[in-house]
Amino acid sequence: MKFFWVGTDKRNHIPYGINVNRAVDLRYANRMNAYRIPNCCVVDMKTPMEVFFPDILIEPFLMVSEEVADVMEMYTPKTFFKTIYLLETESEIHATYFMPFVEEVECLSEQTKKSRGGTELLDIVLRTEAVADKPIFRVAGYTHAYLIVRLDAIESMLRRGIRGITLKELTVI
């Protein structure tokens, strides 16, 4: 059973300054408080001269493209989504994303390496019993969206041509 930590490839010219208008309150970007976020939000962003919209944006909160959302619904039917419209008013560039509220799982092993303050994960090691039947989930207890995807689910996403992501294989004990 292989799992991957999925992130946004920051080597691309991706949007930045997302949510400076605070359309989405980050305190509520979890399953428990999702009802406090409107079903559709217009969120400000800034774009570089040549912008690339990846299929998964991790910061400032988790957002996915329609293709990724479709796969998430297949593998984790209990996942629900809010629609996020990214808009840069000056250039009128826009993109539609979906904010998934996936299950958050207490899954970290004692061998997981954390930053000095313990707020950031440097090397994730998963516990087998916690993740055995979980195809897509977030690590519980962190404001940063640590998105973990099982091999079969990530292969399904890649077959659909998703782009702009990074993958790091994780150790499972």
N, C-alpha and C. Protein backbone atom coordinates (compact mmCIF):
# COMPACT_ATOMS: atom_id res chain seq x y z
N MET A 1 0.85 -1.17 0.00
CA MET A 1 0.00 0.00 0.00
C MET A 1 0.90 1.24 0.00
N LYS A 2 0.82 2.01 -1.10
CA LYS A 2 1.65 3.20 -1.23
C LYS A 2 0.78 4.45 -1.12
N PHE A 3 1.32 5.44 -0.43
CA PHE A 3 0.66 6.73 -0.29
C PHE A 3 1.62 7.83 -0.70
N PHE A 4 1.04 8.93 -1.19
CA PHE A 4 1.83 10.08 -1.64
C PHE A 4 1.32 11.35 -1.00
N TRP A 5 2.28 12.21 -0.66
CA TRP A 5 1.98 13.55 -0.19
C TRP A 5 1.91 14.39 -1.44
N VAL A 6 0.76 15.01 -1.71
CA VAL A 6 0.54 15.76 -2.94
C VAL A 6 0.65 17.24 -2.64
N GLY A 7 1.39 17.94 -3.48
CA GLY A 7 1.56 19.38 -3.32
C GLY A 7 1.46 20.10 -4.64
N THR A 8 1.60 21.40 -4.60
CA THR A 8 1.59 22.24 -5.79
C THR A 8 3.03 22.47 -6.22
N ASP A 9 3.32 22.28 -7.50
CA ASP A 9 4.67 22.52 -8.01
C ASP A 9 4.87 24.03 -8.15
N LYS A 10 5.66 24.60 -7.27
CA LYS A 10 5.84 26.04 -7.22
C LYS A 10 6.85 26.55 -8.25
N ARG A 11 7.41 25.64 -9.05
CA ARG A 11 8.32 26.08 -10.12
C ARG A 11 7.54 26.69 -11.28
N ASN A 12 6.23 26.45 -11.33
CA ASN A 12 5.37 27.06 -12.35
C ASN A 12 5.00 28.47 -11.92
N HIS A 13 4.53 29.26 -12.88
CA HIS A 13 4.08 30.62 -12.60
C HIS A 13 2.62 30.56 -12.16
N ILE A 14 2.42 30.23 -10.88
CA ILE A 14 1.07 30.02 -10.36
C ILE A 14 0.52 31.31 -9.74
N PRO A 15 -0.80 31.38 -9.56
CA PRO A 15 -1.38 32.56 -8.91
C PRO A 15 -0.85 32.71 -7.49
N TYR A 16 -0.80 33.94 -7.02
CA TYR A 16 -0.34 34.22 -5.65
C TYR A 16 -1.24 35.28 -5.04
N GLY A 17 -1.04 35.57 -3.78
CA GLY A 17 -1.88 36.56 -3.10
C GLY A 17 -3.34 36.13 -3.09
N ILE A 18 -3.55 34.82 -3.07
CA ILE A 18 -4.92 34.30 -3.09
C ILE A 18 -5.58 34.57 -1.73
N ASN A 19 -6.79 35.06 -1.77
CA ASN A 19 -7.63 35.29 -0.60
C ASN A 19 -7.20 36.49 0.24
N VAL A 20 -6.55 37.48 -0.38
CA VAL A 20 -6.22 38.69 0.40
C VAL A 20 -7.50 39.44 0.77
N ASN A 21 -8.57 39.22 0.04
CA ASN A 21 -9.86 39.85 0.38
C ASN A 21 -10.58 39.09 1.50
N ARG A 22 -9.97 37.99 1.95
CA ARG A 22 -10.50 37.16 3.04
C ARG A 22 -11.94 36.71 2.80
N ALA A 23 -12.22 36.35 1.56
CA ALA A 23 -13.55 35.82 1.21
C ALA A 23 -13.78 34.48 1.89
N VAL A 24 -12.69 33.74 2.09
CA VAL A 24 -12.76 32.46 2.79
C VAL A 24 -12.03 32.61 4.12
N ASP A 25 -12.74 32.40 5.20
CA ASP A 25 -12.13 32.47 6.53
C ASP A 25 -11.39 31.15 6.77
N LEU A 26 -10.07 31.22 6.84
CA LEU A 26 -9.24 30.02 6.93
C LEU A 26 -9.50 29.21 8.20
N ARG A 27 -10.03 29.84 9.23
CA ARG A 27 -10.35 29.10 10.45
C ARG A 27 -11.41 28.03 10.21
N TYR A 28 -12.20 28.22 9.16
CA TYR A 28 -13.30 27.30 8.88
C TYR A 28 -13.01 26.35 7.72
N ALA A 29 -11.77 26.28 7.29
CA ALA A 29 -11.40 25.43 6.15
C ALA A 29 -11.18 23.98 6.58
N ASN A 30 -12.17 23.43 7.27
CA ASN A 30 -12.13 22.02 7.69
C ASN A 30 -13.55 21.48 7.70
N ARG A 31 -13.67 20.16 7.76
CA ARG A 31 -14.99 19.51 7.68
C ARG A 31 -15.94 19.96 8.79
N MET A 32 -15.41 20.16 9.97
CA MET A 32 -16.26 20.49 11.10
C MET A 32 -16.92 21.86 10.97
N ASN A 33 -16.22 22.82 10.36
CA ASN A 33 -16.73 24.19 10.26
C ASN A 33 -17.10 24.59 8.84
N ALA A 34 -17.15 23.66 7.92
CA ALA A 34 -17.40 23.97 6.51
C ALA A 34 -18.73 24.69 6.29
N TYR A 35 -19.70 24.44 7.14
CA TYR A 35 -21.00 25.09 6.99
C TYR A 35 -20.90 26.61 7.11
N ARG A 36 -19.83 27.11 7.68
CA ARG A 36 -19.64 28.55 7.85
C ARG A 36 -19.08 29.24 6.60
N ILE A 37 -18.68 28.45 5.61
CA ILE A 37 -18.16 28.99 4.35
C ILE A 37 -19.28 28.94 3.33
N PRO A 38 -19.52 30.04 2.60
CA PRO A 38 -20.58 30.03 1.58
C PRO A 38 -20.31 28.96 0.51
N ASN A 39 -21.37 28.51 -0.15
CA ASN A 39 -21.23 27.49 -1.19
C ASN A 39 -20.42 27.97 -2.39
N CYS A 40 -20.45 29.27 -2.66
CA CYS A 40 -19.66 29.86 -3.75
C CYS A 40 -18.97 31.11 -3.21
N CYS A 41 -17.69 31.23 -3.50
CA CYS A 41 -16.92 32.39 -3.04
C CYS A 41 -16.12 32.96 -4.21
N VAL A 42 -16.11 34.29 -4.32
CA VAL A 42 -15.23 34.97 -5.28
C VAL A 42 -14.01 35.41 -4.49
N VAL A 43 -12.86 34.88 -4.87
CA VAL A 43 -11.63 35.08 -4.13
C VAL A 43 -10.63 35.84 -5.00
N ASP A 44 -10.08 36.92 -4.45
CA ASP A 44 -9.07 37.70 -5.17
C ASP A 44 -7.78 36.90 -5.31
N MET A 45 -7.03 37.21 -6.38
CA MET A 45 -5.71 36.64 -6.58
C MET A 45 -4.89 37.61 -7.41
N LYS A 46 -3.62 37.38 -7.44
CA LYS A 46 -2.69 38.08 -8.32
C LYS A 46 -2.08 37.03 -9.23
N THR A 47 -1.72 37.45 -10.44
CA THR A 47 -1.11 36.49 -11.36
C THR A 47 0.17 37.06 -11.95
N PRO A 48 1.15 36.18 -12.19
CA PRO A 48 2.35 36.64 -12.91
C PRO A 48 2.00 36.88 -14.37
N MET A 49 2.95 37.40 -15.14
CA MET A 49 2.70 37.69 -16.56
C MET A 49 2.21 36.47 -17.31
N GLU A 50 2.86 35.34 -17.12
CA GLU A 50 2.43 34.09 -17.75
C GLU A 50 1.94 33.19 -16.64
N VAL A 51 0.64 33.08 -16.50
CA VAL A 51 0.08 32.34 -15.38
C VAL A 51 -0.24 30.90 -15.79
N PHE A 52 -0.05 29.99 -14.84
CA PHE A 52 -0.37 28.58 -15.01
C PHE A 52 -1.27 28.18 -13.84
N PHE A 53 -2.39 27.58 -14.14
CA PHE A 53 -3.32 27.14 -13.09
C PHE A 53 -3.15 25.64 -12.89
N PRO A 54 -2.49 25.23 -11.81
CA PRO A 54 -2.32 23.80 -11.54
C PRO A 54 -3.64 23.16 -11.13
N ASP A 55 -3.71 21.85 -11.21
CA ASP A 55 -4.93 21.14 -10.85
C ASP A 55 -5.14 21.03 -9.34
N ILE A 56 -4.09 21.25 -8.57
CA ILE A 56 -4.22 21.25 -7.11
C ILE A 56 -3.45 22.44 -6.57
N LEU A 57 -4.14 23.30 -5.83
CA LEU A 57 -3.51 24.41 -5.11
C LEU A 57 -3.63 24.11 -3.63
N ILE A 58 -2.52 24.16 -2.93
CA ILE A 58 -2.50 23.83 -1.51
C ILE A 58 -2.65 25.07 -0.63
N GLU A 59 -2.13 26.19 -1.08
CA GLU A 59 -2.12 27.40 -0.24
C GLU A 59 -2.97 28.49 -0.87
N PRO A 60 -3.67 29.28 -0.10
CA PRO A 60 -3.74 29.32 1.36
C PRO A 60 -4.67 28.26 1.95
N PHE A 61 -5.44 27.59 1.08
CA PHE A 61 -6.28 26.46 1.49
C PHE A 61 -6.38 25.53 0.29
N LEU A 62 -6.82 24.32 0.53
CA LEU A 62 -6.86 23.30 -0.51
C LEU A 62 -7.93 23.62 -1.55
N MET A 63 -7.51 23.66 -2.84
CA MET A 63 -8.42 23.86 -3.97
C MET A 63 -8.01 22.90 -5.07
N VAL A 64 -9.01 22.33 -5.75
CA VAL A 64 -8.73 21.37 -6.81
C VAL A 64 -9.55 21.71 -8.05
N SER A 65 -9.04 21.23 -9.20
CA SER A 65 -9.76 21.42 -10.46
C SER A 65 -10.94 20.46 -10.53
N GLU A 66 -11.75 20.60 -11.55
CA GLU A 66 -12.92 19.74 -11.71
C GLU A 66 -12.50 18.28 -11.91
N GLU A 67 -11.41 18.04 -12.65
CA GLU A 67 -10.94 16.68 -12.88
C GLU A 67 -10.54 15.99 -11.57
N VAL A 68 -9.83 16.71 -10.73
CA VAL A 68 -9.42 16.16 -9.44
C VAL A 68 -10.64 15.96 -8.54
N ALA A 69 -11.57 16.91 -8.57
CA ALA A 69 -12.80 16.78 -7.77
C ALA A 69 -13.59 15.54 -8.18
N ASP A 70 -13.63 15.25 -9.48
CA ASP A 70 -14.34 14.06 -9.95
C ASP A 70 -13.71 12.78 -9.39
N VAL A 71 -12.39 12.72 -9.38
CA VAL A 71 -11.70 11.54 -8.84
C VAL A 71 -11.92 11.45 -7.34
N MET A 72 -11.88 12.57 -6.66
CA MET A 72 -12.11 12.56 -5.21
C MET A 72 -13.51 12.02 -4.90
N GLU A 73 -14.49 12.42 -5.69
CA GLU A 73 -15.85 11.93 -5.48
C GLU A 73 -15.95 10.42 -5.71
N MET A 74 -15.18 9.91 -6.68
CA MET A 74 -15.20 8.46 -6.94
C MET A 74 -14.61 7.68 -5.78
N TYR A 75 -13.47 8.14 -5.28
CA TYR A 75 -12.76 7.40 -4.24
C TYR A 75 -13.26 7.69 -2.83
N THR A 76 -13.74 8.90 -2.60
CA THR A 76 -14.25 9.27 -1.28
C THR A 76 -15.59 9.97 -1.45
N PRO A 77 -16.67 9.21 -1.62
CA PRO A 77 -17.98 9.80 -1.90
C PRO A 77 -18.51 10.75 -0.82
N LYS A 78 -17.99 10.66 0.38
CA LYS A 78 -18.46 11.55 1.45
C LYS A 78 -17.79 12.92 1.42
N THR A 79 -16.86 13.11 0.49
CA THR A 79 -16.22 14.42 0.34
C THR A 79 -17.24 15.39 -0.24
N PHE A 80 -17.29 16.60 0.32
CA PHE A 80 -18.15 17.62 -0.26
C PHE A 80 -17.30 18.83 -0.61
N PHE A 81 -17.84 19.70 -1.46
CA PHE A 81 -17.05 20.77 -2.05
C PHE A 81 -17.78 22.10 -1.96
N LYS A 82 -16.99 23.16 -1.91
CA LYS A 82 -17.47 24.53 -2.09
C LYS A 82 -16.82 25.05 -3.36
N THR A 83 -17.53 25.87 -4.12
CA THR A 83 -17.00 26.41 -5.37
C THR A 83 -16.22 27.69 -5.08
N ILE A 84 -15.02 27.76 -5.64
CA ILE A 84 -14.16 28.93 -5.47
C ILE A 84 -13.87 29.53 -6.84
N TYR A 85 -14.25 30.79 -7.01
CA TYR A 85 -13.96 31.51 -8.26
C TYR A 85 -12.77 32.43 -7.98
N LEU A 86 -11.63 32.11 -8.56
CA LEU A 86 -10.45 32.97 -8.42
C LEU A 86 -10.55 34.06 -9.48
N LEU A 87 -10.32 35.31 -9.08
CA LEU A 87 -10.49 36.43 -10.00
C LEU A 87 -9.40 37.47 -9.77
N GLU A 88 -8.77 37.86 -10.85
CA GLU A 88 -7.88 39.02 -10.79
C GLU A 88 -8.60 40.14 -11.53
N THR A 89 -8.99 41.17 -10.80
CA THR A 89 -9.85 42.21 -11.37
C THR A 89 -9.15 43.05 -12.44
N GLU A 90 -7.85 43.31 -12.29
CA GLU A 90 -7.15 44.16 -13.25
C GLU A 90 -7.11 43.54 -14.64
N SER A 91 -6.72 42.29 -14.72
CA SER A 91 -6.57 41.64 -16.03
C SER A 91 -7.79 40.81 -16.41
N GLU A 92 -8.75 40.66 -15.48
CA GLU A 92 -9.95 39.86 -15.68
C GLU A 92 -9.65 38.38 -15.93
N ILE A 93 -8.50 37.93 -15.47
CA ILE A 93 -8.17 36.51 -15.54
C ILE A 93 -8.94 35.82 -14.41
N HIS A 94 -9.50 34.66 -14.73
CA HIS A 94 -10.28 33.95 -13.71
C HIS A 94 -10.12 32.45 -13.88
N ALA A 95 -10.43 31.73 -12.82
CA ALA A 95 -10.37 30.27 -12.84
C ALA A 95 -11.36 29.75 -11.80
N THR A 96 -11.91 28.58 -12.07
CA THR A 96 -12.84 27.96 -11.14
C THR A 96 -12.18 26.75 -10.49
N TYR A 97 -12.23 26.73 -9.18
CA TYR A 97 -11.70 25.61 -8.40
C TYR A 97 -12.78 25.12 -7.45
N PHE A 98 -12.50 24.00 -6.82
CA PHE A 98 -13.41 23.44 -5.84
C PHE A 98 -12.62 23.19 -4.56
N MET A 99 -13.20 23.60 -3.45
CA MET A 99 -12.56 23.43 -2.14
C MET A 99 -13.10 22.15 -1.53
N PRO A 100 -12.28 21.07 -1.52
CA PRO A 100 -12.78 19.81 -0.97
C PRO A 100 -12.65 19.75 0.54
N PHE A 101 -13.64 19.16 1.15
CA PHE A 101 -13.58 18.92 2.58
C PHE A 101 -13.45 17.41 2.77
N VAL A 102 -12.19 16.96 2.70
CA VAL A 102 -11.91 15.52 2.83
C VAL A 102 -11.72 15.18 4.30
N GLU A 103 -11.81 13.91 4.57
CA GLU A 103 -11.66 13.43 5.94
C GLU A 103 -10.27 13.78 6.47
N GLU A 104 -10.22 14.19 7.72
CA GLU A 104 -8.95 14.45 8.39
C GLU A 104 -8.66 13.27 9.31
N VAL A 105 -7.47 12.69 9.18
CA VAL A 105 -7.14 11.45 9.86
C VAL A 105 -5.93 11.65 10.77
N GLU A 106 -6.05 11.16 12.02
CA GLU A 106 -4.92 11.11 12.96
C GLU A 106 -4.07 9.91 12.53
N CYS A 107 -3.04 10.14 11.74
CA CYS A 107 -2.34 9.04 11.08
C CYS A 107 -0.83 9.06 11.25
N LEU A 108 -0.30 10.03 11.94
CA LEU A 108 1.15 10.18 12.01
C LEU A 108 1.78 9.20 12.98
N SER A 109 2.87 8.61 12.54
CA SER A 109 3.65 7.71 13.37
C SER A 109 4.58 8.54 14.26
N GLU A 110 5.14 7.89 15.26
CA GLU A 110 6.12 8.54 16.14
C GLU A 110 7.37 8.95 15.35
N GLN A 111 7.60 8.30 14.21
CA GLN A 111 8.80 8.56 13.41
C GLN A 111 8.67 9.78 12.51
N THR A 112 7.51 10.40 12.48
CA THR A 112 7.31 11.61 11.67
C THR A 112 8.21 12.72 12.19
N LYS A 113 8.88 13.40 11.26
CA LYS A 113 9.75 14.51 11.65
C LYS A 113 8.99 15.82 11.46
N LYS A 114 9.03 16.65 12.52
CA LYS A 114 8.34 17.93 12.52
C LYS A 114 9.34 19.07 12.62
N SER A 115 8.89 20.28 12.27
CA SER A 115 9.74 21.45 12.42
C SER A 115 9.99 21.72 13.89
N ARG A 116 10.91 22.61 14.18
CA ARG A 116 11.28 22.92 15.56
C ARG A 116 10.07 23.28 16.41
N GLY A 117 9.17 24.07 15.88
CA GLY A 117 7.98 24.45 16.64
C GLY A 117 6.86 23.43 16.58
N GLY A 118 7.02 22.43 15.72
CA GLY A 118 6.02 21.38 15.60
C GLY A 118 4.81 21.73 14.75
N THR A 119 4.86 22.89 14.09
CA THR A 119 3.72 23.33 13.29
C THR A 119 3.81 22.88 11.83
N GLU A 120 4.95 22.37 11.42
CA GLU A 120 5.16 21.95 10.04
C GLU A 120 5.70 20.53 10.02
N LEU A 121 5.24 19.73 9.06
CA LEU A 121 5.73 18.37 8.91
C LEU A 121 6.84 18.34 7.88
N LEU A 122 7.97 17.76 8.25
CA LEU A 122 9.12 17.70 7.35
C LEU A 122 9.22 16.35 6.66
N ASP A 123 8.96 15.28 7.38
CA ASP A 123 9.02 13.93 6.83
C ASP A 123 7.87 13.13 7.45
N ILE A 124 6.86 12.84 6.63
CA ILE A 124 5.65 12.18 7.13
C ILE A 124 5.82 10.67 7.09
N VAL A 125 5.54 10.02 8.21
CA VAL A 125 5.51 8.56 8.30
C VAL A 125 4.12 8.19 8.82
N LEU A 126 3.41 7.37 8.05
CA LEU A 126 2.02 7.03 8.36
C LEU A 126 1.92 5.72 9.13
N ARG A 127 0.87 5.59 9.94
CA ARG A 127 0.57 4.33 10.63
C ARG A 127 -0.40 3.52 9.76
N THR A 128 -0.06 2.28 9.47
CA THR A 128 -0.86 1.42 8.59
C THR A 128 -2.30 1.30 9.05
N GLU A 129 -2.51 1.05 10.33
CA GLU A 129 -3.88 0.82 10.82
C GLU A 129 -4.75 2.06 10.67
N ALA A 130 -4.16 3.24 10.65
CA ALA A 130 -4.94 4.48 10.54
C ALA A 130 -5.35 4.80 9.10
N VAL A 131 -4.55 4.32 8.13
CA VAL A 131 -4.78 4.72 6.74
C VAL A 131 -5.16 3.56 5.81
N ALA A 132 -5.28 2.37 6.32
CA ALA A 132 -5.48 1.18 5.49
C ALA A 132 -6.63 1.31 4.50
N ASP A 133 -7.76 1.89 4.91
CA ASP A 133 -8.92 1.97 4.03
C ASP A 133 -9.21 3.40 3.57
N LYS A 134 -8.22 4.27 3.59
CA LYS A 134 -8.41 5.68 3.26
C LYS A 134 -7.70 6.01 1.93
N PRO A 135 -8.44 6.24 0.85
CA PRO A 135 -7.78 6.57 -0.42
C PRO A 135 -7.29 8.01 -0.52
N ILE A 136 -8.04 8.95 0.09
CA ILE A 136 -7.68 10.38 0.04
C ILE A 136 -8.04 10.99 1.38
N PHE A 137 -7.09 11.69 2.00
CA PHE A 137 -7.36 12.31 3.29
C PHE A 137 -6.36 13.41 3.57
N ARG A 138 -6.63 14.17 4.62
CA ARG A 138 -5.70 15.19 5.12
C ARG A 138 -5.19 14.74 6.47
N VAL A 139 -3.99 15.20 6.79
CA VAL A 139 -3.43 14.93 8.12
C VAL A 139 -4.17 15.83 9.11
N ALA A 140 -4.73 15.24 10.14
CA ALA A 140 -5.50 15.98 11.14
C ALA A 140 -4.59 16.80 12.05
N GLY A 141 -5.09 17.93 12.49
CA GLY A 141 -4.39 18.72 13.49
C GLY A 141 -3.47 19.80 12.94
N TYR A 142 -3.49 20.02 11.62
CA TYR A 142 -2.62 21.03 11.02
C TYR A 142 -3.45 21.97 10.15
N THR A 143 -3.15 23.27 10.22
CA THR A 143 -3.86 24.23 9.38
C THR A 143 -3.40 24.11 7.93
N HIS A 144 -2.13 23.78 7.71
CA HIS A 144 -1.64 23.54 6.35
C HIS A 144 -2.30 22.28 5.82
N ALA A 145 -2.71 22.30 4.56
CA ALA A 145 -3.41 21.14 3.97
C ALA A 145 -2.41 20.08 3.53
N TYR A 146 -2.11 19.14 4.39
CA TYR A 146 -1.26 18.01 4.02
C TYR A 146 -2.18 16.98 3.38
N LEU A 147 -2.23 16.98 2.04
CA LEU A 147 -3.11 16.09 1.30
C LEU A 147 -2.37 14.79 1.00
N ILE A 148 -2.94 13.66 1.43
CA ILE A 148 -2.34 12.35 1.24
C ILE A 148 -3.26 11.54 0.32
N VAL A 149 -2.68 10.93 -0.71
CA VAL A 149 -3.46 10.19 -1.69
C VAL A 149 -2.84 8.82 -1.91
N ARG A 150 -3.67 7.78 -1.90
CA ARG A 150 -3.21 6.42 -2.14
C ARG A 150 -2.86 6.25 -3.62
N LEU A 151 -1.99 5.29 -3.91
CA LEU A 151 -1.48 5.07 -5.26
C LEU A 151 -2.58 4.94 -6.31
N ASP A 152 -3.60 4.13 -6.08
CA ASP A 152 -4.64 3.94 -7.09
C ASP A 152 -5.39 5.22 -7.40
N ALA A 153 -5.63 6.06 -6.40
CA ALA A 153 -6.33 7.32 -6.61
C ALA A 153 -5.45 8.32 -7.37
N ILE A 154 -4.16 8.38 -7.04
CA ILE A 154 -3.28 9.32 -7.74
C ILE A 154 -3.08 8.87 -9.19
N GLU A 155 -3.01 7.56 -9.42
CA GLU A 155 -2.91 7.07 -10.80
C GLU A 155 -4.14 7.46 -11.61
N SER A 156 -5.31 7.39 -10.99
CA SER A 156 -6.54 7.79 -11.65
C SER A 156 -6.51 9.27 -12.02
N MET A 157 -5.99 10.10 -11.13
CA MET A 157 -5.86 11.53 -11.42
C MET A 157 -4.88 11.76 -12.57
N LEU A 158 -3.75 11.08 -12.53
CA LEU A 158 -2.73 11.27 -13.55
C LEU A 158 -3.22 10.80 -14.92
N ARG A 159 -4.02 9.75 -14.96
CA ARG A 159 -4.59 9.29 -16.24
C ARG A 159 -5.51 10.33 -16.84
N ARG A 160 -6.05 11.20 -16.04
CA ARG A 160 -6.91 12.28 -16.53
C ARG A 160 -6.11 13.53 -16.91
N GLY A 161 -4.80 13.43 -16.82
CA GLY A 161 -3.93 14.51 -17.31
C GLY A 161 -3.76 15.68 -16.37
N ILE A 162 -3.88 15.46 -15.06
CA ILE A 162 -3.68 16.59 -14.15
C ILE A 162 -2.22 17.04 -14.22
N ARG A 163 -2.03 18.34 -13.98
CA ARG A 163 -0.70 18.93 -14.12
C ARG A 163 -0.41 19.87 -12.96
N GLY A 164 0.88 20.17 -12.80
CA GLY A 164 1.29 21.17 -11.84
C GLY A 164 1.35 20.70 -10.41
N ILE A 165 1.56 19.40 -10.20
CA ILE A 165 1.61 18.88 -8.84
C ILE A 165 2.97 18.27 -8.55
N THR A 166 3.24 18.07 -7.28
CA THR A 166 4.42 17.33 -6.85
C THR A 166 3.92 16.14 -6.04
N LEU A 167 4.70 15.05 -6.10
CA LEU A 167 4.37 13.86 -5.35
C LEU A 167 5.58 13.43 -4.55
N LYS A 168 5.36 13.06 -3.31
CA LYS A 168 6.42 12.50 -2.48
C LYS A 168 5.89 11.24 -1.85
N GLU A 169 6.54 10.11 -2.17
CA GLU A 169 6.11 8.84 -1.61
C GLU A 169 6.39 8.83 -0.11
N LEU A 170 5.43 8.31 0.64
CA LEU A 170 5.54 8.30 2.09
C LEU A 170 5.83 6.90 2.61
N THR A 171 6.42 6.84 3.77
CA THR A 171 6.68 5.58 4.45
C THR A 171 5.44 5.24 5.27
N VAL A 172 5.05 3.95 5.20
CA VAL A 172 3.92 3.48 6.00
C VAL A 172 4.42 2.33 6.86
N ILE A 173 4.22 2.44 8.18
CA ILE A 173 4.69 1.36 9.08
C ILE A 173 3.54 0.78 9.87
